[in-house]
Every structure is written in C-alpha cells, then in structure tokens.
C-alpha cells in the first residue's frame, strides 16, 4: 500500500470529518501540462493563483506526485453508515 494511503488511513477517527479534495490536484496538473481546452480563461487564472498559494505551503519535489489533498473538520458521531461489501467480495489477490 502506498505510504500516502497508510498515512491518510491514520487520521480516521470518530470525531473527525475527512473530505478528499484531490480533484484540485488533477486540475493543477492539467493546467501545468497546458490542457486548458475545457476551462474558462478565468478558471485557468484562478487555478494558477491557487497553485502558487499551494506551493507556498507545500514544497514541490521534482519527480514526486502530490498523492492526496483533504480537509479535516471536527465532527460529531456519524448519523449514518455507508453500505459496504466485505473486502473478500471485491478484492482478489493472486499469489
């Protein structure tokens, strides 16, 4: 399992809300690669400004990807539980 995944798993607690915000990282990469065809020029400009702020907080490491971006907030107990299949029903391991 990637280190980023195991580190993220360590923050799940009953009193924290975990909200993935990874699509922003995909948009940063898309704009950096010059793929702005489906974006409005104002969105491209705003993403450029957000990227500058982001790299001002989190250092860039050439050759490494940003694995995940998320927001944490205080939360009360869960009001509902997600329905999930057992891992054995959705995961297969070949040996």
Protein backbone atom coordinates (compact mmCIF):
# COMPACT_ATOMS: atom_id res chain seq x y z
CA UNK A 1 0.00 0.00 0.00
CA UNK A 2 1.40 3.45 -0.86
CA UNK A 3 2.74 5.45 2.08
CA UNK A 4 0.27 8.25 1.35
CA UNK A 5 -2.62 5.81 1.73
CA UNK A 6 -1.40 4.38 5.01
CA UNK A 7 -0.76 7.87 6.37
CA UNK A 8 -4.24 9.03 5.38
CA UNK A 9 -5.79 5.95 6.98
CA UNK A 10 -4.23 7.00 10.27
CA UNK A 11 -6.38 10.13 10.51
CA UNK A 12 -9.77 8.39 10.51
CA UNK A 13 -11.31 8.85 13.92
CA UNK A 14 -14.93 9.06 15.02
CA UNK A 15 -14.66 12.78 15.80
CA UNK A 16 -13.00 13.99 12.59
CA UNK A 17 -14.68 14.53 9.24
CA UNK A 18 -12.41 13.64 6.32
CA UNK A 19 -13.19 15.32 2.96
CA UNK A 20 -10.99 14.41 -0.03
CA UNK A 21 -10.18 17.36 -2.29
CA UNK A 22 -7.91 15.51 -4.73
CA UNK A 23 -9.62 16.83 -7.91
CA UNK A 24 -7.88 20.16 -7.32
CA UNK A 25 -4.51 18.40 -7.70
CA UNK A 26 -5.67 16.90 -11.01
CA UNK A 27 -6.68 20.34 -12.25
CA UNK A 28 -3.28 21.75 -11.25
CA UNK A 29 -1.54 19.00 -13.26
CA UNK A 30 -3.85 19.51 -16.21
CA UNK A 31 -3.20 23.26 -16.38
CA UNK A 32 0.55 22.73 -15.91
CA UNK A 33 0.51 20.34 -18.89
CA UNK A 34 -1.23 23.00 -20.99
CA UNK A 35 -4.55 21.16 -21.26
CA UNK A 36 -6.95 24.04 -20.72
CA UNK A 37 -9.34 23.41 -23.62
CA UNK A 38 -12.43 22.80 -21.46
CA UNK A 39 -11.62 25.51 -18.92
CA UNK A 40 -12.68 29.13 -18.96
CA UNK A 41 -9.71 31.58 -19.01
CA UNK A 42 -10.85 32.90 -15.60
CA UNK A 43 -10.69 29.36 -14.20
CA UNK A 44 -7.19 28.88 -15.60
CA UNK A 45 -6.11 32.14 -13.98
CA UNK A 46 -7.69 31.21 -10.65
CA UNK A 47 -6.09 27.76 -10.72
CA UNK A 48 -2.71 29.41 -11.37
CA UNK A 49 -3.15 31.60 -8.29
CA UNK A 50 -4.28 28.68 -6.17
CA UNK A 51 -1.29 26.63 -7.35
CA UNK A 52 1.07 29.41 -6.27
CA UNK A 53 -0.55 29.55 -2.83
CA UNK A 54 -0.47 25.74 -2.61
CA UNK A 55 3.25 25.51 -3.43
CA UNK A 56 3.90 28.30 -0.91
CA UNK A 57 2.59 25.99 1.80
CA UNK A 58 3.62 22.58 0.46
CA UNK A 59 7.05 22.33 -1.14
CA UNK A 60 7.30 20.83 -4.61
CA UNK A 61 9.51 17.76 -5.01
CA UNK A 62 10.52 17.11 -8.63
CA UNK A 63 9.76 13.55 -9.69
CA UNK A 64 7.12 13.12 -6.98
CA UNK A 65 3.37 13.49 -7.29
CA UNK A 66 1.01 15.01 -4.78
CA UNK A 67 -0.91 11.96 -3.67
CA UNK A 68 -3.85 13.44 -1.83
CA UNK A 69 -5.32 16.68 -0.61
CA UNK A 70 -8.01 16.64 2.04
CA UNK A 71 -9.77 18.78 4.59
CA UNK A 72 -10.32 17.77 8.21
CA UNK A 73 -13.01 19.16 10.45
CA UNK A 74 -14.42 18.43 13.88
CA UNK A 75 -17.49 16.23 13.64
CA UNK A 76 -19.97 14.53 15.87
CA UNK A 77 -20.74 10.84 15.73
CA UNK A 78 -21.78 9.53 12.32
CA UNK A 79 -25.51 9.83 11.69
CA UNK A 80 -25.45 7.09 9.04
CA UNK A 81 -23.11 4.35 7.98
CA UNK A 82 -22.09 3.67 4.37
CA UNK A 83 -23.14 0.33 2.98
CA UNK A 84 -20.07 -1.68 2.08
CA UNK A 85 -19.39 -5.09 0.69
CA UNK A 86 -16.92 -7.29 2.56
CA UNK A 87 -13.37 -6.93 1.18
CA UNK A 88 -13.36 -10.60 0.11
CA UNK A 89 -16.27 -9.82 -2.27
CA UNK A 90 -14.47 -7.00 -4.09
CA UNK A 91 -10.77 -7.81 -3.73
CA UNK A 92 -8.81 -10.68 -5.18
CA UNK A 93 -5.17 -11.44 -4.50
CA UNK A 94 -3.21 -13.62 -6.90
CA UNK A 95 -0.26 -15.47 -5.45
